[in-house]
Amino acid sequence: MNISGTKKVSIRQLFAPALLAAALASITLTAHADSHGDHEDRGADRQRMEERMEERRQEVYQRAEISADKQAELNAAHAEHREAIHALREEHKERVADILTEEEQEALHNAMREAHEEHRGKRGQHDNSDERVDSE
């Protein structure tokens, strides 16, 4: 008999939600990053990305030993989340359109793209100012 009244929890039960959260976070981040890229060929790329994410999600569910019923619930919650994010994104676009002229929107878009490209260009570069090369 357990005197403290607490329920014993296995390591698997403790880590399953964390594994699932990590997998869903990476899926969400990937979807979010994709929404900011160039939109040429977006349909085909988006379809492939969604297929890869679904495969990864199923792999994580199996690894965490999530039941089929709970998988269905999680998939429904994920779909609901995506729809809500899409609706929020559209609402934001409309609000920006109310605030900025088309020219200002284009200028902002270009400035954001340039800043993003500059940031991506800096990624992976190291400050080598302290390194010295002796030519003697």
C-alpha atoms as a PDB file:
ATOM      1  CA  MET A   1       0.000   0.000   0.000  1.00  0.00           C
ATOM      2  CA  ASN A   2       1.281   3.441  -0.901  1.00  0.00           C
ATOM      3  CA  ILE A   3       0.994   5.560   2.250  1.00  0.00           C
ATOM      4  CA  SER A   4       1.704   8.913   0.621  1.00  0.00           C
ATOM      5  CA  GLY A   5      -1.256   8.539  -1.731  1.00  0.00           C
ATOM      6  CA  THR A   6       0.854   9.351  -4.775  1.00  0.00           C
ATOM      7  CA  LYS A   7       0.665   7.279  -7.902  1.00  0.00           C
ATOM      8  CA  LYS A   8       3.828   5.637  -9.201  1.00  0.00           C
ATOM      9  CA  VAL A   9       4.769   6.938 -12.630  1.00  0.00           C
ATOM     10  CA  SER A  10       7.137   5.136 -14.961  1.00  0.00           C
ATOM     11  CA  ILE A  11      10.003   6.884 -16.710  1.00  0.00           C
ATOM     12  CA  ARG A  12       8.231   6.234 -20.018  1.00  0.00           C
ATOM     13  CA  GLN A  13       5.117   8.030 -18.778  1.00  0.00           C
ATOM     14  CA  LEU A  14       7.214  10.970 -17.659  1.00  0.00           C
ATOM     15  CA  PHE A  15       9.138  11.360 -20.900  1.00  0.00           C
ATOM     16  CA  ALA A  16       6.414  10.552 -23.448  1.00  0.00           C
ATOM     17  CA  PRO A  17       4.801  14.018 -23.221  1.00  0.00           C
ATOM     18  CA  ALA A  18       8.216  15.680 -23.452  1.00  0.00           C
ATOM     19  CA  LEU A  19       9.141  13.669 -26.552  1.00  0.00           C
ATOM     20  CA  LEU A  20       5.823  14.507 -28.125  1.00  0.00           C
ATOM     21  CA  ALA A  21       6.167  18.192 -27.276  1.00  0.00           C
ATOM     22  CA  ALA A  22       9.653  18.280 -28.782  1.00  0.00           C
ATOM     23  CA  ALA A  23       8.445  16.615 -31.968  1.00  0.00           C
ATOM     24  CA  LEU A  24       5.450  18.908 -32.300  1.00  0.00           C
ATOM     25  CA  ALA A  25       7.592  21.968 -31.578  1.00  0.00           C
ATOM     26  CA  SER A  26       9.955  21.083 -34.409  1.00  0.00           C
ATOM     27  CA  ILE A  27       7.002  20.541 -36.713  1.00  0.00           C
ATOM     28  CA  THR A  28       5.519  23.896 -35.758  1.00  0.00           C
ATOM     29  CA  LEU A  29       8.835  25.692 -36.186  1.00  0.00           C
ATOM     30  CA  THR A  30       9.354  24.112 -39.579  1.00  0.00           C
ATOM     31  CA  ALA A  31       5.882  25.123 -40.687  1.00  0.00           C
ATOM     32  CA  HIS A  32       6.438  28.642 -39.329  1.00  0.00           C
ATOM     33  CA  ALA A  33       9.806  28.983 -41.087  1.00  0.00           C
ATOM     34  CA  ASP A  34       8.272  27.745 -44.328  1.00  0.00           C
ATOM     35  CA  SER A  35       5.569  30.397 -44.131  1.00  0.00           C
ATOM     36  CA  HIS A  36       8.219  33.127 -44.375  1.00  0.00           C
ATOM     37  CA  GLY A  37      10.057  31.840 -47.432  1.00  0.00           C
ATOM     38  CA  ASP A  38       9.548  32.578 -51.103  1.00  0.00           C
ATOM     39  CA  HIS A  39       6.153  31.364 -52.192  1.00  0.00           C
ATOM     40  CA  GLU A  40       7.129  29.997 -55.603  1.00  0.00           C
ATOM     41  CA  ASP A  41       6.421  26.256 -55.815  1.00  0.00           C
ATOM     42  CA  ARG A  42       4.918  26.549 -52.367  1.00  0.00           C
ATOM     43  CA  GLY A  43       2.117  24.076 -52.992  1.00  0.00           C
ATOM     44  CA  ALA A  44       4.322  21.127 -53.935  1.00  0.00           C
ATOM     45  CA  ASP A  45       6.916  21.952 -51.269  1.00  0.00           C
ATOM     46  CA  ARG A  46       4.240  22.368 -48.628  1.00  0.00           C
ATOM     47  CA  GLN A  47       2.696  19.019 -49.544  1.00  0.00           C
ATOM     48  CA  ARG A  48       6.066  17.249 -49.272  1.00  0.00           C
ATOM     49  CA  MET A  49       6.801  18.993 -45.974  1.00  0.00           C
ATOM     50  CA  GLU A  50       3.418  18.013 -44.546  1.00  0.00           C
ATOM     51  CA  GLU A  51       3.992  14.397 -45.589  1.00  0.00           C
ATOM     52  CA  ARG A  52       7.424  14.368 -43.912  1.00  0.00           C
ATOM     53  CA  MET A  53       6.004  15.944 -40.769  1.00  0.00           C
ATOM     54  CA  GLU A  54       3.196  13.382 -40.642  1.00  0.00           C
ATOM     55  CA  GLU A  55       5.752  10.558 -40.966  1.00  0.00           C
ATOM     56  CA  ARG A  56       7.863  12.056 -38.174  1.00  0.00           C
ATOM     57  CA  ARG A  57       4.820  12.576 -35.978  1.00  0.00           C
ATOM     58  CA  GLN A  58       3.767   8.939 -36.425  1.00  0.00           C
ATOM     59  CA  GLU A  59       7.303   7.762 -35.663  1.00  0.00           C
ATOM     60  CA  VAL A  60       7.333   9.776 -32.445  1.00  0.00           C
ATOM     61  CA  TYR A  61       3.901   8.461 -31.470  1.00  0.00           C
ATOM     62  CA  GLN A  62       5.122   4.895 -31.943  1.00  0.00           C
ATOM     63  CA  ARG A  63       8.346   5.567 -30.062  1.00  0.00           C
ATOM     64  CA  ALA A  64       6.373   7.051 -27.171  1.00  0.00           C
ATOM     65  CA  GLU A  65       3.863   4.178 -27.375  1.00  0.00           C
ATOM     66  CA  ILE A  66       0.896   6.524 -27.751  1.00  0.00           C
ATOM     67  CA  SER A  67      -2.357   4.622 -28.296  1.00  0.00           C
ATOM     68  CA  ALA A  68      -4.203   4.908 -31.610  1.00  0.00           C
ATOM     69  CA  ASP A  69      -7.079   6.756 -29.916  1.00  0.00           C
ATOM     70  CA  LYS A  70      -4.758   9.308 -28.379  1.00  0.00           C
ATOM     71  CA  GLN A  71      -2.891   9.653 -31.677  1.00  0.00           C
ATOM     72  CA  ALA A  72      -6.179  10.544 -33.342  1.00  0.00           C
ATOM     73  CA  GLU A  73      -6.894  13.105 -30.611  1.00  0.00           C
ATOM     74  CA  LEU A  74      -3.412  14.603 -30.958  1.00  0.00           C
ATOM     75  CA  ASN A  75      -3.742  14.755 -34.747  1.00  0.00           C
ATOM     76  CA  ALA A  76      -7.079  16.543 -34.380  1.00  0.00           C
ATOM     77  CA  ALA A  77      -5.543  19.004 -31.904  1.00  0.00           C
ATOM     78  CA  HIS A  78      -2.630  19.588 -34.296  1.00  0.00           C
ATOM     79  CA  ALA A  79      -4.992  20.226 -37.212  1.00  0.00           C
ATOM     80  CA  GLU A  80      -7.045  22.613 -35.081  1.00  0.00           C
ATOM     81  CA  HIS A  81      -3.867  24.432 -34.064  1.00  0.00           C
ATOM     82  CA  ARG A  82      -2.744  24.791 -37.683  1.00  0.00           C
ATOM     83  CA  GLU A  83      -6.132  26.145 -38.713  1.00  0.00           C
ATOM     84  CA  ALA A  84      -6.068  28.649 -35.846  1.00  0.00           C
ATOM     85  CA  ILE A  85      -2.551  29.788 -36.785  1.00  0.00           C
ATOM     86  CA  HIS A  86      -3.623  30.171 -40.414  1.00  0.00           C
ATOM     87  CA  ALA A  87      -6.654  32.257 -39.403  1.00  0.00           C
ATOM     88  CA  LEU A  88      -4.510  34.399 -37.099  1.00  0.00           C
ATOM     89  CA  ARG A  89      -1.950  34.926 -39.871  1.00  0.00           C
ATOM     90  CA  GLU A  90      -4.691  36.055 -42.270  1.00  0.00           C
ATOM     91  CA  GLU A  91      -6.127  38.399 -39.638  1.00  0.00           C
ATOM     92  CA  HIS A  92      -2.659  39.877 -39.119  1.00  0.00           C
ATOM     93  CA  LYS A  93      -2.187  40.405 -42.880  1.00  0.00           C
ATOM     94  CA  GLU A  94      -5.495  42.256 -43.030  1.00  0.00           C
ATOM     95  CA  ARG A  95      -4.547  44.438 -40.079  1.00  0.00           C
ATOM     96  CA  VAL A  96      -1.155  45.283 -41.628  1.00  0.00           C
ATOM     97  CA  ALA A  97      -2.951  46.140 -44.877  1.00  0.00           C
ATOM     98  CA  ASP A  98      -5.171  48.536 -42.903  1.00  0.00           C
ATOM     99  CA  ILE A  99      -2.143  50.208 -41.304  1.00  0.00           C
ATOM    100  CA  LEU A 100       0.384  50.396 -44.181  1.00  0.00           C
ATOM    101  CA  THR A 101       0.049  51.464 -47.797  1.00  0.00           C
ATOM    102  CA  GLU A 102       1.037  48.923 -50.450  1.00  0.00           C
ATOM    103  CA  GLU A 103       4.337  50.747 -50.939  1.00  0.00           C
ATOM    104  CA  GLU A 104       5.065  50.657 -47.198  1.00  0.00           C
ATOM    105  CA  GLN A 105       4.153  46.964 -47.054  1.00  0.00           C
ATOM    106  CA  GLU A 106       6.536  46.232 -49.930  1.00  0.00           C
ATOM    107  CA  ALA A 107       9.317  48.281 -48.306  1.00  0.00           C
ATOM    108  CA  LEU A 108       8.796  46.454 -45.015  1.00  0.00           C
ATOM    109  CA  HIS A 109       8.780  43.080 -46.778  1.00  0.00           C
ATOM    110  CA  ASN A 110      12.015  43.894 -48.614  1.00  0.00           C
ATOM    111  CA  ALA A 111      13.707  45.164 -45.444  1.00  0.00           C
ATOM    112  CA  MET A 112      12.679  42.016 -43.566  1.00  0.00           C
ATOM    113  CA  ARG A 113      13.971  39.792 -46.375  1.00  0.00           C
ATOM    114  CA  GLU A 114      17.303  41.670 -46.434  1.00  0.00           C
ATOM    115  CA  ALA A 115      17.658  41.406 -42.661  1.00  0.00           C
ATOM    116  CA  HIS A 116      16.853  37.696 -42.845  1.00  0.00           C
ATOM    117  CA  GLU A 117      19.431  37.138 -45.592  1.00  0.00           C
ATOM    118  CA  GLU A 118      22.054  39.065 -43.625  1.00  0.00           C
ATOM    119  CA  HIS A 119      21.303  36.981 -40.542  1.00  0.00           C
ATOM    120  CA  ARG A 120      21.528  33.745 -42.518  1.00  0.00           C
ATOM    121  CA  GLY A 121      24.809  34.900 -44.044  1.00  0.00           C
ATOM    122  CA  LYS A 122      26.286  35.496 -40.599  1.00  0.00           C
ATOM    123  CA  ARG A 123      25.190  32.101 -39.322  1.00  0.00           C
ATOM    124  CA  GLY A 124      28.114  29.716 -39.293  1.00  0.00           C
ATOM    125  CA  GLN A 125      30.725  32.432 -39.626  1.00  0.00           C
ATOM    126  CA  HIS A 126      33.221  32.864 -36.822  1.00  0.00           C
ATOM    127  CA  ASP A 127      35.153  35.901 -35.737  1.00  0.00           C
ATOM    128  CA  ASN A 128      38.675  35.155 -36.903  1.00  0.00           C
ATOM    129  CA  SER A 129      40.109  38.551 -35.992  1.00  0.00           C
ATOM    130  CA  ASP A 130      42.329  37.030 -33.302  1.00  0.00           C
ATOM    131  CA  GLU A 131      43.882  34.510 -35.670  1.00  0.00           C
ATOM    132  CA  ARG A 132      47.186  35.602 -37.105  1.00  0.00           C
ATOM    133  CA  VAL A 133      48.974  34.095 -40.043  1.00  0.00           C
ATOM    134  CA  ASP A 134      52.766  34.434 -40.022  1.00  0.00           C
ATOM    135  CA  SER A 135      54.047  34.925 -43.521  1.00  0.00           C
ATOM    136  CA  GLU A 136      57.685  34.751 -42.466  1.00  0.00           C
END
